[in-house]
């Protein structure tokens, strides 16, 4: 699998975890994933999930036990993207609209 396909596969898996975390309908769902790796090899990871319905925002934890996969998927995505483009993002947001269209926005530290 080429690097782009590997990245798309990981993002698809993250989208699936998000879908499993919603209790029914939504207009848009979002998840912000934070990741940092220190020079000493330690890392930190965070996720903030919310969805919107009828003008209300609902914050929830990602569904368990699927959220345990984040500790593998997020560092793997970071590593793949860093190797492929040299980019060193610190967080990204996945947004999925009611029709299932997903978009991503990566934030990079300068």
C-alpha atoms as a PDB file:
ATOM      1  CA  UNK A   1       0.000   0.000   0.000  1.00  0.00           C
ATOM      2  CA  UNK A   2       1.384   3.441  -0.872  1.00  0.00           C
ATOM      3  CA  UNK A   3       1.757   6.132   1.832  1.00  0.00           C
ATOM      4  CA  UNK A   4      -1.378   8.042   0.782  1.00  0.00           C
ATOM      5  CA  UNK A   5      -3.505   4.881   0.888  1.00  0.00           C
ATOM      6  CA  UNK A   6      -2.090   4.019   4.332  1.00  0.00           C
ATOM      7  CA  UNK A   7      -2.994   7.498   5.606  1.00  0.00           C
ATOM      8  CA  UNK A   8      -6.502   7.256   4.138  1.00  0.00           C
ATOM      9  CA  UNK A   9      -6.971   3.858   5.784  1.00  0.00           C
ATOM     10  CA  UNK A  10      -6.077   5.246   9.214  1.00  0.00           C
ATOM     11  CA  UNK A  11      -8.363   8.260   8.771  1.00  0.00           C
ATOM     12  CA  UNK A  12     -11.187   5.905   7.702  1.00  0.00           C
ATOM     13  CA  UNK A  13     -10.683   3.882  10.877  1.00  0.00           C
ATOM     14  CA  UNK A  14     -10.855   7.075  12.953  1.00  0.00           C
ATOM     15  CA  UNK A  15     -14.081   8.060  11.144  1.00  0.00           C
ATOM     16  CA  UNK A  16     -15.566   4.664  11.982  1.00  0.00           C
ATOM     17  CA  UNK A  17     -14.785   5.176  15.685  1.00  0.00           C
ATOM     18  CA  UNK A  18     -16.509   8.560  15.485  1.00  0.00           C
ATOM     19  CA  UNK A  19     -19.609   7.037  13.821  1.00  0.00           C
ATOM     20  CA  UNK A  20     -19.831   4.412  16.558  1.00  0.00           C
ATOM     21  CA  UNK A  21     -19.731   7.181  19.187  1.00  0.00           C
ATOM     22  CA  UNK A  22     -22.879   9.034  18.059  1.00  0.00           C
ATOM     23  CA  UNK A  23     -26.291   8.124  19.483  1.00  0.00           C
ATOM     24  CA  UNK A  24     -28.371   8.519  16.346  1.00  0.00           C
ATOM     25  CA  UNK A  25     -28.666  11.578  14.130  1.00  0.00           C
ATOM     26  CA  UNK A  26     -26.192  14.413  13.731  1.00  0.00           C
ATOM     27  CA  UNK A  27     -25.710  17.373  11.420  1.00  0.00           C
ATOM     28  CA  UNK A  28     -21.945  17.359  11.786  1.00  0.00           C
ATOM     29  CA  UNK A  29     -19.561  15.484  14.027  1.00  0.00           C
ATOM     30  CA  UNK A  30     -16.034  16.551  14.868  1.00  0.00           C
ATOM     31  CA  UNK A  31     -13.068  15.124  16.652  1.00  0.00           C
ATOM     32  CA  UNK A  32      -9.874  16.963  17.503  1.00  0.00           C
ATOM     33  CA  UNK A  33      -6.856  14.732  17.935  1.00  0.00           C
ATOM     34  CA  UNK A  34      -3.772  16.164  19.673  1.00  0.00           C
ATOM     35  CA  UNK A  35      -0.406  14.451  19.473  1.00  0.00           C
ATOM     36  CA  UNK A  36       3.088  15.397  20.567  1.00  0.00           C
ATOM     37  CA  UNK A  37       6.283  13.435  20.806  1.00  0.00           C
ATOM     38  CA  UNK A  38       9.153  14.638  22.991  1.00  0.00           C
ATOM     39  CA  UNK A  39      12.835  14.342  22.216  1.00  0.00           C
ATOM     40  CA  UNK A  40      13.132  11.752  24.996  1.00  0.00           C
ATOM     41  CA  UNK A  41      10.704   9.482  23.110  1.00  0.00           C
ATOM     42  CA  UNK A  42       7.678  10.036  25.333  1.00  0.00           C
ATOM     43  CA  UNK A  43       4.430  11.119  23.734  1.00  0.00           C
ATOM     44  CA  UNK A  44       1.029  12.501  24.629  1.00  0.00           C
ATOM     45  CA  UNK A  45      -2.252  11.992  22.863  1.00  0.00           C
ATOM     46  CA  UNK A  46      -5.694  13.509  23.339  1.00  0.00           C
ATOM     47  CA  UNK A  47      -9.067  13.414  21.648  1.00  0.00           C
ATOM     48  CA  UNK A  48     -12.060  15.738  21.982  1.00  0.00           C
ATOM     49  CA  UNK A  49     -15.249  14.522  20.298  1.00  0.00           C
ATOM     50  CA  UNK A  50     -18.490  16.429  19.758  1.00  0.00           C
ATOM     51  CA  UNK A  51     -21.433  16.510  17.387  1.00  0.00           C
ATOM     52  CA  UNK A  52     -24.098  19.029  16.519  1.00  0.00           C
ATOM     53  CA  UNK A  53     -27.825  18.469  16.135  1.00  0.00           C
ATOM     54  CA  UNK A  54     -30.612  21.085  15.891  1.00  0.00           C
ATOM     55  CA  UNK A  55     -28.283  23.893  16.934  1.00  0.00           C
ATOM     56  CA  UNK A  56     -26.975  22.076  20.011  1.00  0.00           C
ATOM     57  CA  UNK A  57     -23.445  20.837  20.513  1.00  0.00           C
ATOM     58  CA  UNK A  58     -23.046  17.544  22.385  1.00  0.00           C
ATOM     59  CA  UNK A  59     -19.625  16.559  23.764  1.00  0.00           C
ATOM     60  CA  UNK A  60     -18.961  12.877  24.375  1.00  0.00           C
ATOM     61  CA  UNK A  61     -16.129  10.471  24.915  1.00  0.00           C
ATOM     62  CA  UNK A  62     -15.308   8.258  21.972  1.00  0.00           C
ATOM     63  CA  UNK A  63     -16.853   4.822  22.351  1.00  0.00           C
ATOM     64  CA  UNK A  64     -15.013   2.195  24.393  1.00  0.00           C
ATOM     65  CA  UNK A  65     -13.225  -0.139  23.636  1.00  0.00           C
ATOM     66  CA  UNK A  66     -12.670   1.247  20.121  1.00  0.00           C
ATOM     67  CA  UNK A  67     -11.051   4.425  21.481  1.00  0.00           C
ATOM     68  CA  UNK A  68      -8.160   2.291  22.729  1.00  0.00           C
ATOM     69  CA  UNK A  69      -7.123   2.018  19.057  1.00  0.00           C
ATOM     70  CA  UNK A  70      -6.149   5.719  19.112  1.00  0.00           C
ATOM     71  CA  UNK A  71      -2.883   4.927  20.904  1.00  0.00           C
ATOM     72  CA  UNK A  72      -1.786   3.022  17.792  1.00  0.00           C
ATOM     73  CA  UNK A  73      -3.568   4.894  14.983  1.00  0.00           C
ATOM     74  CA  UNK A  74      -2.620   8.494  15.847  1.00  0.00           C
ATOM     75  CA  UNK A  75       1.150   7.922  16.250  1.00  0.00           C
ATOM     76  CA  UNK A  76       1.129   5.756  13.114  1.00  0.00           C
ATOM     77  CA  UNK A  77      -0.603   8.493  11.100  1.00  0.00           C
ATOM     78  CA  UNK A  78       1.824  11.096  12.444  1.00  0.00           C
ATOM     79  CA  UNK A  79       4.827   8.940  11.526  1.00  0.00           C
ATOM     80  CA  UNK A  80       3.529   8.152   8.022  1.00  0.00           C
ATOM     81  CA  UNK A  81       2.791  11.784   7.243  1.00  0.00           C
ATOM     82  CA  UNK A  82       6.095  12.967   8.676  1.00  0.00           C
ATOM     83  CA  UNK A  83       8.009  10.460   6.537  1.00  0.00           C
ATOM     84  CA  UNK A  84       5.969  11.262   3.428  1.00  0.00           C
ATOM     85  CA  UNK A  85       5.896  15.074   3.586  1.00  0.00           C
ATOM     86  CA  UNK A  86       8.183  16.066   6.451  1.00  0.00           C
ATOM     87  CA  UNK A  87       5.186  17.686   8.152  1.00  0.00           C
ATOM     88  CA  UNK A  88       5.122  17.590  11.938  1.00  0.00           C
ATOM     89  CA  UNK A  89       1.516  18.382  12.896  1.00  0.00           C
ATOM     90  CA  UNK A  90       0.509  18.851  16.505  1.00  0.00           C
ATOM     91  CA  UNK A  91      -3.219  18.243  16.057  1.00  0.00           C
ATOM     92  CA  UNK A  92      -5.903  17.692  13.483  1.00  0.00           C
ATOM     93  CA  UNK A  93      -9.666  17.782  13.268  1.00  0.00           C
ATOM     94  CA  UNK A  94     -11.879  15.369  11.370  1.00  0.00           C
ATOM     95  CA  UNK A  95     -15.339  16.701  10.524  1.00  0.00           C
ATOM     96  CA  UNK A  96     -18.057  14.488   9.057  1.00  0.00           C
ATOM     97  CA  UNK A  97     -21.271  15.978   7.681  1.00  0.00           C
ATOM     98  CA  UNK A  98     -24.706  14.354   7.779  1.00  0.00           C
ATOM     99  CA  UNK A  99     -24.113  12.822   4.355  1.00  0.00           C
ATOM    100  CA  UNK A 100     -20.916  11.129   5.541  1.00  0.00           C
ATOM    101  CA  UNK A 101     -18.427  13.414   3.797  1.00  0.00           C
ATOM    102  CA  UNK A 102     -15.277  13.700   5.897  1.00  0.00           C
ATOM    103  CA  UNK A 103     -12.794  16.563   5.860  1.00  0.00           C
ATOM    104  CA  UNK A 104      -9.548  16.971   7.764  1.00  0.00           C
ATOM    105  CA  UNK A 105      -7.636  20.007   8.952  1.00  0.00           C
ATOM    106  CA  UNK A 106      -4.079  19.594  10.228  1.00  0.00           C
ATOM    107  CA  UNK A 107      -2.357  22.181  12.420  1.00  0.00           C
ATOM    108  CA  UNK A 108       1.386  22.562  12.378  1.00  0.00           C
ATOM    109  CA  UNK A 109       3.652  24.236  14.937  1.00  0.00           C
ATOM    110  CA  UNK A 110       6.120  26.727  13.538  1.00  0.00           C
END
